[in-house]
Amino acid sequence: MIQKVVSPESLGLTLRAARKDKGLSQKAVGHAVGMEQHTISKIEKGNPGTGLGTLFRLLSALELELVVQPRRKPSGDDLGDVW
Protein backbone atom coordinates (compact mmCIF):
# COMPACT_ATOMS: atom_id res chain seq x y z
CA MET A 1 0.00 0.00 0.00
CA ILE A 2 1.39 3.39 -0.97
CA GLN A 3 -0.53 6.30 0.49
CA LYS A 4 0.07 10.02 0.23
CA VAL A 5 0.08 11.59 3.71
CA VAL A 6 -0.05 15.36 4.04
CA SER A 7 -1.55 15.90 7.50
CA PRO A 8 -1.93 14.23 10.89
CA GLU A 9 -5.46 13.30 9.87
CA SER A 10 -4.42 11.57 6.65
CA LEU A 11 -1.66 9.77 8.54
CA GLY A 12 -4.20 8.53 11.07
CA LEU A 13 -6.52 7.28 8.34
CA THR A 14 -3.62 5.50 6.64
CA LEU A 15 -2.56 3.80 9.87
CA ARG A 16 -6.14 2.78 10.59
CA ALA A 17 -6.53 1.27 7.11
CA ALA A 18 -3.26 -0.66 7.49
CA ARG A 19 -4.32 -1.99 10.88
CA LYS A 20 -7.70 -3.09 9.56
CA ASP A 21 -6.10 -4.69 6.48
CA LYS A 22 -4.10 -6.85 8.88
CA GLY A 23 -7.24 -7.74 10.83
CA LEU A 24 -5.90 -6.23 14.04
CA SER A 25 -7.81 -4.40 16.74
CA GLN A 26 -6.55 -1.17 18.28
CA LYS A 27 -6.08 -3.09 21.52
CA ALA A 28 -3.94 -5.77 19.84
CA VAL A 29 -1.70 -3.20 18.14
CA GLY A 30 -1.42 -1.21 21.34
CA HIS A 31 -0.42 -4.32 23.26
CA ALA A 32 2.26 -5.13 20.67
CA VAL A 33 3.90 -1.73 21.12
CA GLY A 34 3.18 -1.09 24.79
CA MET A 35 0.42 1.49 24.30
CA GLU A 36 -3.14 1.70 25.53
CA GLN A 37 -6.00 1.29 23.06
CA HIS A 38 -7.05 4.93 23.57
CA THR A 39 -3.59 6.06 22.42
CA ILE A 40 -3.98 4.12 19.16
CA SER A 41 -7.42 5.68 18.76
CA LYS A 42 -6.02 9.22 19.19
CA ILE A 43 -3.31 8.59 16.61
CA GLU A 44 -5.83 7.19 14.12
CA LYS A 45 -7.99 10.31 14.63
CA GLY A 46 -5.04 12.49 13.62
CA ASN A 47 -3.81 13.74 16.99
CA PRO A 48 -1.07 16.23 16.03
CA GLY A 49 0.69 15.72 19.38
CA THR A 50 1.86 12.18 18.64
CA GLY A 51 5.55 11.78 19.43
CA LEU A 52 7.94 10.51 16.79
CA GLY A 53 9.00 7.55 18.93
CA THR A 54 5.36 6.55 19.32
CA LEU A 55 4.75 6.91 15.60
CA PHE A 56 7.76 4.77 14.68
CA ARG A 57 6.77 2.04 17.15
CA LEU A 58 3.31 1.96 15.58
CA LEU A 59 4.72 1.91 12.03
CA SER A 60 6.94 -1.00 13.01
CA ALA A 61 4.04 -2.94 14.53
CA LEU A 62 2.09 -2.50 11.29
CA GLU A 63 5.12 -3.41 9.17
CA LEU A 64 5.17 0.03 7.54
CA GLU A 65 7.94 2.51 6.86
CA LEU A 66 8.08 6.25 6.42
CA VAL A 67 9.44 7.62 3.13
CA VAL A 68 10.11 11.33 2.69
CA GLN A 69 10.28 12.71 -0.80
CA PRO A 70 10.05 16.12 -2.45
CA ARG A 71 6.56 17.35 -3.13
CA ARG A 72 5.56 17.60 -6.72
CA LYS A 73 4.27 20.93 -7.90
CA PRO A 74 0.49 21.12 -7.44
CA SER A 75 -1.80 21.22 -10.43
CA GLY A 76 -5.22 22.81 -10.39
CA ASP A 77 -6.73 19.56 -9.07
CA ASP A 78 -4.25 19.36 -6.17
CA LEU A 79 -4.80 22.74 -4.58
CA GLY A 80 -6.36 21.11 -1.52
CA ASP A 81 -3.02 19.40 -0.82
CA VAL A 82 -1.09 22.67 -0.48
CA TRP A 83 -0.40 23.81 3.08
PDB file of N, CA and C in Angstrom:
ATOM      1  N   MET A   1       0.845  -1.174   0.000  1.00  0.00           N
ATOM      2  CA  MET A   1       0.000   0.000   0.000  1.00  0.00           C
ATOM      3  C   MET A   1       0.892   1.240   0.000  1.00  0.00           C
ATOM      4  N   ILE A   2       0.715   2.093  -0.949  1.00  0.00           N
ATOM      5  CA  ILE A   2       1.387   3.393  -0.969  1.00  0.00           C
ATOM      6  C   ILE A   2       0.305   4.435  -0.804  1.00  0.00           C
ATOM      7  N   GLN A   3       0.489   5.302   0.179  1.00  0.00           N
ATOM      8  CA  GLN A   3      -0.529   6.296   0.490  1.00  0.00           C
ATOM      9  C   GLN A   3       0.125   7.651   0.687  1.00  0.00           C
ATOM     10  N   LYS A   4      -0.416   8.661   0.062  1.00  0.00           N
ATOM     11  CA  LYS A   4       0.068  10.021   0.235  1.00  0.00           C
ATOM     12  C   LYS A   4      -0.457  10.552   1.575  1.00  0.00           C
ATOM     13  N   VAL A   5       0.443  11.047   2.402  1.00  0.00           N
ATOM     14  CA  VAL A   5       0.081  11.585   3.708  1.00  0.00           C
ATOM     15  C   VAL A   5       0.546  13.032   3.767  1.00  0.00           C
ATOM     16  N   VAL A   6      -0.395  13.941   4.015  1.00  0.00           N
ATOM     17  CA  VAL A   6      -0.050  15.364   4.038  1.00  0.00           C
ATOM     18  C   VAL A   6      -0.502  16.056   5.321  1.00  0.00           C
ATOM     19  N   SER A   7      -1.062  15.305   6.258  1.00  0.00           N
ATOM     20  CA  SER A   7      -1.547  15.902   7.503  1.00  0.00           C
ATOM     21  C   SER A   7      -1.637  14.823   8.578  1.00  0.00           C
ATOM     22  N   PRO A   8      -1.732  15.229   9.829  1.00  0.00           N
ATOM     23  CA  PRO A   8      -1.929  14.227  10.888  1.00  0.00           C
ATOM     24  C   PRO A   8      -3.189  13.389  10.666  1.00  0.00           C
ATOM     25  N   GLU A   9      -4.213  14.015  10.123  1.00  0.00           N
ATOM     26  CA  GLU A   9      -5.463  13.295   9.874  1.00  0.00           C
ATOM     27  C   GLU A   9      -5.298  12.225   8.800  1.00  0.00           C
ATOM     28  N   SER A  10      -4.609  12.568   7.713  1.00  0.00           N
ATOM     29  CA  SER A  10      -4.417  11.572   6.651  1.00  0.00           C
ATOM     30  C   SER A  10      -3.468  10.468   7.105  1.00  0.00           C
ATOM     31  N   LEU A  11      -2.521  10.796   7.973  1.00  0.00           N
ATOM     32  CA  LEU A  11      -1.658   9.767   8.543  1.00  0.00           C
ATOM     33  C   LEU A  11      -2.477   8.816   9.401  1.00  0.00           C
ATOM     34  N   GLY A  12      -3.350   9.366  10.227  1.00  0.00           N
ATOM     35  CA  GLY A  12      -4.204   8.532  11.069  1.00  0.00           C
ATOM     36  C   GLY A  12      -5.080   7.599  10.261  1.00  0.00           C
ATOM     37  N   LEU A  13      -5.680   8.113   9.199  1.00  0.00           N
ATOM     38  CA  LEU A  13      -6.523   7.281   8.336  1.00  0.00           C
ATOM     39  C   LEU A  13      -5.716   6.172   7.667  1.00  0.00           C
ATOM     40  N   THR A  14      -4.490   6.488   7.266  1.00  0.00           N
ATOM     41  CA  THR A  14      -3.621   5.501   6.637  1.00  0.00           C
ATOM     42  C   THR A  14      -3.252   4.396   7.621  1.00  0.00           C
ATOM     43  N   LEU A  15      -2.905   4.787   8.844  1.00  0.00           N
ATOM     44  CA  LEU A  15      -2.559   3.798   9.866  1.00  0.00           C
ATOM     45  C   LEU A  15      -3.758   2.922  10.211  1.00  0.00           C
ATOM     46  N   ARG A  16      -4.920   3.541  10.290  1.00  0.00           N
ATOM     47  CA  ARG A  16      -6.139   2.777  10.586  1.00  0.00           C
ATOM     48  C   ARG A  16      -6.415   1.754   9.486  1.00  0.00           C
ATOM     49  N   ALA A  17      -6.293   2.181   8.232  1.00  0.00           N
ATOM     50  CA  ALA A  17      -6.532   1.265   7.108  1.00  0.00           C
ATOM     51  C   ALA A  17      -5.537   0.105   7.128  1.00  0.00           C
ATOM     52  N   ALA A  18      -4.271   0.404   7.430  1.00  0.00           N
ATOM     53  CA  ALA A  18      -3.259  -0.656   7.486  1.00  0.00           C
ATOM     54  C   ALA A  18      -3.565  -1.644   8.604  1.00  0.00           C
ATOM     55  N   ARG A  19      -3.973  -1.120   9.747  1.00  0.00           N
ATOM     56  CA  ARG A  19      -4.316  -1.987  10.878  1.00  0.00           C
ATOM     57  C   ARG A  19      -5.488  -2.891  10.526  1.00  0.00           C
ATOM     58  N   LYS A  20      -6.517  -2.303   9.930  1.00  0.00           N
ATOM     59  CA  LYS A  20      -7.703  -3.088   9.562  1.00  0.00           C
ATOM     60  C   LYS A  20      -7.374  -4.111   8.477  1.00  0.00           C
ATOM     61  N   ASP A  21      -6.509  -3.747   7.527  1.00  0.00           N
ATOM     62  CA  ASP A  21      -6.098  -4.687   6.480  1.00  0.00           C
ATOM     63  C   ASP A  21      -5.423  -5.921   7.077  1.00  0.00           C
ATOM     64  N   LYS A  22      -4.757  -5.732   8.208  1.00  0.00           N
ATOM     65  CA  LYS A  22      -4.097  -6.847   8.882  1.00  0.00           C
ATOM     66  C   LYS A  22      -5.031  -7.582   9.843  1.00  0.00           C
ATOM     67  N   GLY A  23      -6.271  -7.099   9.958  1.00  0.00           N
ATOM     68  CA  GLY A  23      -7.245  -7.743  10.825  1.00  0.00           C
ATOM     69  C   GLY A  23      -6.942  -7.570  12.306  1.00  0.00           C
ATOM     70  N   LEU A  24      -6.286  -6.471  12.656  1.00  0.00           N
ATOM     71  CA  LEU A  24      -5.903  -6.226  14.039  1.00  0.00           C
ATOM     72  C   LEU A  24      -6.819  -5.204  14.695  1.00  0.00           C
ATOM     73  N   SER A  25      -7.060  -5.385  15.965  1.00  0.00           N
ATOM     74  CA  SER A  25      -7.812  -4.398  16.737  1.00  0.00           C
ATOM     75  C   SER A  25      -6.842  -3.340  17.257  1.00  0.00           C
ATOM     76  N   GLN A  26      -7.386  -2.202  17.671  1.00  0.00           N
ATOM     77  CA  GLN A  26      -6.554  -1.175  18.283  1.00  0.00           C
ATOM     78  C   GLN A  26      -5.892  -1.723  19.549  1.00  0.00           C
ATOM     79  N   LYS A  27      -6.625  -2.512  20.288  1.00  0.00           N
ATOM     80  CA  LYS A  27      -6.085  -3.088  21.522  1.00  0.00           C
ATOM     81  C   LYS A  27      -4.900  -4.002  21.230  1.00  0.00           C
ATOM     82  N   ALA A  28      -5.017  -4.844  20.199  1.00  0.00           N
ATOM     83  CA  ALA A  28      -3.943  -5.770  19.844  1.00  0.00           C
ATOM     84  C   ALA A  28      -2.688  -5.023  19.410  1.00  0.00           C
ATOM     85  N   VAL A  29      -2.854  -3.990  18.594  1.00  0.00           N
ATOM     86  CA  VAL A  29      -1.704  -3.201  18.144  1.00  0.00           C
ATOM     87  C   VAL A  29      -1.081  -2.472  19.325  1.00  0.00           C
ATOM     88  N   GLY A  30      -1.922  -1.902  20.168  1.00  0.00           N
ATOM     89  CA  GLY A  30      -1.422  -1.213  21.343  1.00  0.00           C
ATOM     90  C   GLY A  30      -0.615  -2.141  22.239  1.00  0.00           C
ATOM     91  N   HIS A  31      -1.122  -3.338  22.438  1.00  0.00           N
ATOM     92  CA  HIS A  31      -0.421  -4.322  23.264  1.00  0.00           C
ATOM     93  C   HIS A  31       0.946  -4.660  22.664  1.00  0.00           C
ATOM     94  N   ALA A  32       1.008  -4.778  21.356  1.00  0.00           N
ATOM     95  CA  ALA A  32       2.258  -5.134  20.669  1.00  0.00           C
ATOM     96  C   ALA A  32       3.343  -4.070  20.841  1.00  0.00           C
ATOM     97  N   VAL A  33       2.929  -2.821  21.011  1.00  0.00           N
ATOM     98  CA  VAL A  33       3.905  -1.729  21.123  1.00  0.00           C
ATOM     99  C   VAL A  33       3.904  -1.061  22.492  1.00  0.00           C
ATOM    100  N   GLY A  34       3.189  -1.636  23.435  1.00  0.00           N
ATOM    101  CA  GLY A  34       3.180  -1.092  24.790  1.00  0.00           C
ATOM    102  C   GLY A  34       2.395   0.190  24.947  1.00  0.00           C
ATOM    103  N   MET A  35       1.289   0.314  24.207  1.00  0.00           N
ATOM    104  CA  MET A  35       0.422   1.493  24.304  1.00  0.00           C
ATOM    105  C   MET A  35      -0.991   1.057  24.647  1.00  0.00           C
ATOM    106  N   GLU A  36      -1.733   1.952  25.238  1.00  0.00           N
ATOM    107  CA  GLU A  36      -3.138   1.699  25.529  1.00  0.00           C
ATOM    108  C   GLU A  36      -3.959   1.858  24.241  1.00  0.00           C
ATOM    109  N   GLN A  37      -5.110   1.214  24.213  1.00  0.00           N
ATOM    110  CA  GLN A  37      -6.004   1.292  23.056  1.00  0.00           C
ATOM    111  C   GLN A  37      -6.382   2.736  22.756  1.00  0.00           C
ATOM    112  N   HIS A  38      -6.627   3.535  23.805  1.00  0.00           N
ATOM    113  CA  HIS A  38      -7.047   4.925  23.572  1.00  0.00           C
ATOM    114  C   HIS A  38      -5.952   5.746  22.893  1.00  0.00           C
ATOM    115  N   THR A  39      -4.695   5.371  23.096  1.00  0.00           N
ATOM    116  CA  THR A  39      -3.589   6.058  22.420  1.00  0.00           C
ATOM    117  C   THR A  39      -3.619   5.756  20.923  1.00  0.00           C
ATOM    118  N   ILE A  40      -3.855   4.498  20.580  1.00  0.00           N
ATOM    119  CA  ILE A  40      -3.976   4.123  19.161  1.00  0.00           C
ATOM    120  C   ILE A  40      -5.146   4.876  18.534  1.00  0.00           C
ATOM    121  N   SER A  41      -6.246   4.967  19.249  1.00  0.00           N
ATOM    122  CA  SER A  41      -7.418   5.682  18.757  1.00  0.00           C
ATOM    123  C   SER A  41      -7.093   7.145  18.478  1.00  0.00           C
ATOM    124  N   LYS A  42      -6.391   7.810  19.391  1.00  0.00           N
ATOM    125  CA  LYS A  42      -6.019   9.218  19.190  1.00  0.00           C
ATOM    126  C   LYS A  42      -5.157   9.392  17.944  1.00  0.00           C
ATOM    127  N   ILE A  43      -4.194   8.496  17.777  1.00  0.00           N
ATOM    128  CA  ILE A  43      -3.312   8.586  16.607  1.00  0.00           C
ATOM    129  C   ILE A  43      -4.125   8.418  15.327  1.00  0.00           C
ATOM    130  N   GLU A  44      -5.025   7.437  15.312  1.00  0.00           N
ATOM    131  CA  GLU A  44      -5.833   7.193  14.121  1.00  0.00           C
ATOM    132  C   GLU A  44      -6.803   8.342  13.831  1.00  0.00           C
ATOM    133  N   LYS A  45      -7.123   9.134  14.838  1.00  0.00           N
ATOM    134  CA  LYS A  45      -7.991  10.306  14.634  1.00  0.00           C
ATOM    135  C   LYS A  45      -7.200  11.532  14.210  1.00  0.00           C
ATOM    136  N   GLY A  46      -5.865  11.387  14.115  1.00  0.00           N
ATOM    137  CA  GLY A  46      -5.041  12.488  13.619  1.00  0.00           C
ATOM    138  C   GLY A  46      -4.528  13.412  14.696  1.00  0.00           C
ATOM    139  N   ASN A  47      -4.342  12.914  15.908  1.00  0.00           N
ATOM    140  CA  ASN A  47      -3.811  13.741  16.993  1.00  0.00           C
ATOM    141  C   ASN A  47      -2.456  14.314  16.586  1.00  0.00           C
ATOM    142  N   PRO A  48      -2.338  15.641  16.467  1.00  0.00           N
ATOM    143  CA  PRO A  48      -1.074  16.228  16.029  1.00  0.00           C
ATOM    144  C   PRO A  48       0.021  16.174  17.083  1.00  0.00           C
ATOM    145  N   GLY A  49      -0.296  15.774  18.315  1.00  0.00           N
ATOM    146  CA  GLY A  49       0.688  15.722  19.380  1.00  0.00           C
ATOM    147  C   GLY A  49       1.390  14.382  19.522  1.00  0.00           C
ATOM    148  N   THR A  50       1.231  13.493  18.566  1.00  0.00           N
ATOM    149  CA  THR A  50       1.857  12.180  18.636  1.00  0.00           C
ATOM    150  C   THR A  50       3.368  12.317  18.512  1.00  0.00           C
ATOM    151  N   GLY A  51       4.084  11.719  19.453  1.00  0.00           N
ATOM    152  CA  GLY A  51       5.548  11.778  19.435  1.00  0.00           C
ATOM    153  C   GLY A  51       6.122  10.909  18.325  1.00  0.00           C
ATOM    154  N   LEU A  52       7.306  11.271  17.866  1.00  0.00           N
ATOM    155  CA  LEU A  52       7.942  10.511  16.791  1.00  0.00           C
ATOM    156  C   LEU A  52       8.253   9.083  17.217  1.00  0.00           C
ATOM    157  N   GLY A  53       8.711   8.902  18.451  1.00  0.00           N
ATOM    158  CA  GLY A  53       8.997   7.553  18.934  1.00  0.00           C
ATOM    159  C   GLY A  53       7.751   6.688  18.915  1.00  0.00           C
ATOM    160  N   THR A  54       6.640   7.269  19.333  1.00  0.00           N
ATOM    161  CA  THR A  54       5.355   6.553  19.320  1.00  0.00           C
ATOM    162  C   THR A  54       4.962   6.193  17.902  1.00  0.00           C
ATOM    163  N   LEU A  55       5.097   7.144  17.000  1.00  0.00           N
ATOM    164  CA  LEU A  55       4.754   6.914  15.599  1.00  0.00           C
ATOM    165  C   LEU A  55       5.598   5.787  15.005  1.00  0.00           C
ATOM    166  N   PHE A  56       6.892   5.803  15.260  1.00  0.00           N
ATOM    167  CA  PHE A  56       7.756   4.774  14.678  1.00  0.00           C
ATOM    168  C   PHE A  56       7.498   3.398  15.283  1.00  0.00           C
ATOM    169  N   ARG A  57       7.143   3.330  16.550  1.00  0.00           N
ATOM    170  CA  ARG A  57       6.770   2.039  17.146  1.00  0.00           C
ATOM    171  C   ARG A  57       5.510   1.501  16.482  1.00  0.00           C
ATOM    172  N   LEU A  58       4.553   2.378  16.232  1.00  0.00           N
ATOM    173  CA  LEU A  58       3.312   1.956  15.583  1.00  0.00           C
ATOM    174  C   LEU A  58       3.573   1.535  14.134  1.00  0.00           C
ATOM    175  N   LEU A  59       4.371   2.294  13.406  1.00  0.00           N
ATOM    176  CA  LEU A  59       4.723   1.912  12.034  1.00  0.00           C
ATOM    177  C   LEU A  59       5.373   0.537  12.006  1.00  0.00           C
ATOM    178  N   SER A  60       6.262   0.290  12.937  1.00  0.00           N
ATOM    179  CA  SER A  60       6.941  -0.998  13.014  1.00  0.00           C
ATOM    180  C   SER A  60       5.951  -2.127  13.276  1.00  0.00           C
ATOM    181  N   ALA A  61       5.035  -1.908  14.198  1.00  0.00           N
ATOM    182  CA  ALA A  61       4.041  -2.939  14.529  1.00  0.00           C
ATOM    183  C   ALA A  61       3.158  -3.271  13.330  1.00  0.00           C
ATOM    184  N   LEU A  62       2.931  -2.289  12.464  1.00  0.00           N
ATOM    185  CA  LEU A  62       2.087  -2.496  11.288  1.00  0.00           C
ATOM    186  C   LEU A  62       2.904  -2.864  10.049  1.00  0.00           C
ATOM    187  N   GLU A  63       4.204  -3.072  10.254  1.00  0.00           N
ATOM    188  CA  GLU A  63       5.125  -3.408   9.166  1.00  0.00           C
ATOM    189  C   GLU A  63       5.099  -2.368   8.052  1.00  0.00           C
ATOM    190  N   LEU A  64       5.151  -1.100   8.471  1.00  0.00           N
ATOM    191  CA  LEU A  64       5.170   0.030   7.544  1.00  0.00           C
ATOM    192  C   LEU A  64       6.458   0.805   7.736  1.00  0.00           C
ATOM    193  N   GLU A  65       6.790   1.628   6.746  1.00  0.00           N
ATOM    194  CA  GLU A  65       7.943   2.513   6.863  1.00  0.00           C
ATOM    195  C   GLU A  65       7.560   3.887   6.357  1.00  0.00           C
ATOM    196  N   LEU A  66       8.301   4.864   6.805  1.00  0.00           N
ATOM    197  CA  LEU A  66       8.082   6.253   6.415  1.00  0.00           C
ATOM    198  C   LEU A  66       9.079   6.607   5.318  1.00  0.00           C
ATOM    199  N   VAL A  67       8.585   7.175   4.230  1.00  0.00           N
ATOM    200  CA  VAL A  67       9.436   7.621   3.128  1.00  0.00           C
ATOM    201  C   VAL A  67       9.169   9.105   2.929  1.00  0.00           C
ATOM    202  N   VAL A  68      10.239   9.888   2.909  1.00  0.00           N
ATOM    203  CA  VAL A  68      10.109  11.328   2.689  1.00  0.00           C
ATOM    204  C   VAL A  68      10.650  11.624   1.302  1.00  0.00           C
ATOM    205  N   GLN A  69       9.867  12.360   0.551  1.00  0.00           N
ATOM    206  CA  GLN A  69      10.282  12.705  -0.799  1.00  0.00           C
ATOM    207  C   GLN A  69       9.835  14.121  -1.108  1.00  0.00           C
ATOM    208  N   PRO A  70      10.462  14.759  -2.094  1.00  0.00           N
ATOM    209  CA  PRO A  70      10.048  16.117  -2.453  1.00  0.00           C
ATOM    210  C   PRO A  70       8.602  16.113  -2.942  1.00  0.00           C
ATOM    211  N   ARG A  71       7.916  17.180  -2.623  1.00  0.00           N
ATOM    212  CA  ARG A  71       6.560  17.346  -3.129  1.00  0.00           C
ATOM    213  C   ARG A  71       6.610  17.718  -4.592  1.00  0.00           C
ATOM    214  N   ARG A  72       5.654  17.180  -5.327  1.00  0.00           N
ATOM    215  CA  ARG A  72       5.556  17.601  -6.723  1.00  0.00           C
ATOM    216  C   ARG A  72       4.787  18.909  -6.756  1.00  0.00           C
ATOM    217  N   LYS A  73       4.981  19.662  -7.786  1.00  0.00           N
ATOM    218  CA  LYS A  73       4.270  20.933  -7.898  1.00  0.00           C
ATOM    219  C   LYS A  73       2.784  20.662  -8.082  1.00  0.00           C
ATOM    220  N   PRO A  74       1.933  21.370  -7.336  1.00  0.00           N
ATOM    221  CA  PRO A  74       0.494  21.117  -7.438  1.00  0.00           C
ATOM    222  C   PRO A  74      -0.079  21.576  -8.774  1.00  0.00           C
ATOM    223  N   SER A  75      -1.036  20.808  -9.246  1.00  0.00           N
ATOM    224  CA  SER A  75      -1.799  21.224 -10.425  1.00  0.00           C
ATOM    225  C   SER A  75      -3.100  21.826  -9.918  1.00  0.00           C
ATOM    226  N   GLY A  76      -3.935  22.236 -10.780  1.00  0.00           N
ATOM    227  CA  GLY A  76      -5.224  22.810 -10.392  1.00  0.00           C
ATOM    228  C   GLY A  76      -6.055  21.864  -9.546  1.00  0.00           C
ATOM    229  N   ASP A  77      -5.953  20.559  -9.804  1.00  0.00           N
ATOM    230  CA  ASP A  77      -6.727  19.563  -9.068  1.00  0.00           C
ATOM    231  C   ASP A  77      -6.170  19.308  -7.673  1.00  0.00           C
ATOM    232  N   ASP A  78      -4.916  19.688  -7.425  1.00  0.00           N
ATOM    233  CA  ASP A  78      -4.249  19.362  -6.170  1.00  0.00           C
ATOM    234  C   ASP A  78      -4.213  20.514  -5.188  1.00  0.00           C
ATOM    235  N   LEU A  79      -4.911  21.571  -5.436  1.00  0.00           N
ATOM    236  CA  LEU A  79      -4.796  22.741  -4.581  1.00  0.00           C
ATOM    237  C   LEU A  79      -5.172  22.453  -3.133  1.00  0.00           C
ATOM    238  N   GLY A  80      -6.007  21.470  -2.879  1.00  0.00           N
ATOM    239  CA  GLY A  80      -6.364  21.112  -1.517  1.00  0.00           C
ATOM    240  C   GLY A  80      -5.209  20.481  -0.761  1.00  0.00           C
ATOM    241  N   ASP A  81      -4.173  20.031  -1.458  1.00  0.00           N
ATOM    242  CA  ASP A  81      -3.017  19.399  -0.821  1.00  0.00           C
ATOM    243  C   ASP A  81      -1.935  20.397  -0.418  1.00  0.00           C
ATOM    244  N   VAL A  82      -2.096  21.657  -0.774  1.00  0.00           N
ATOM    245  CA  VAL A  82      -1.089  22.672  -0.482  1.00  0.00           C
ATOM    246  C   VAL A  82      -1.336  23.189   0.940  1.00  0.00           C
ATOM    247  N   TRP A  83      -0.255  23.312   1.705  1.00  0.00           N
ATOM    248  CA  TRP A  83      -0.403  23.814   3.081  1.00  0.00           C
ATOM    249  C   TRP A  83      -0.480  25.291   3.096  1.00  0.00           C
TER     250      TRP A  83
END
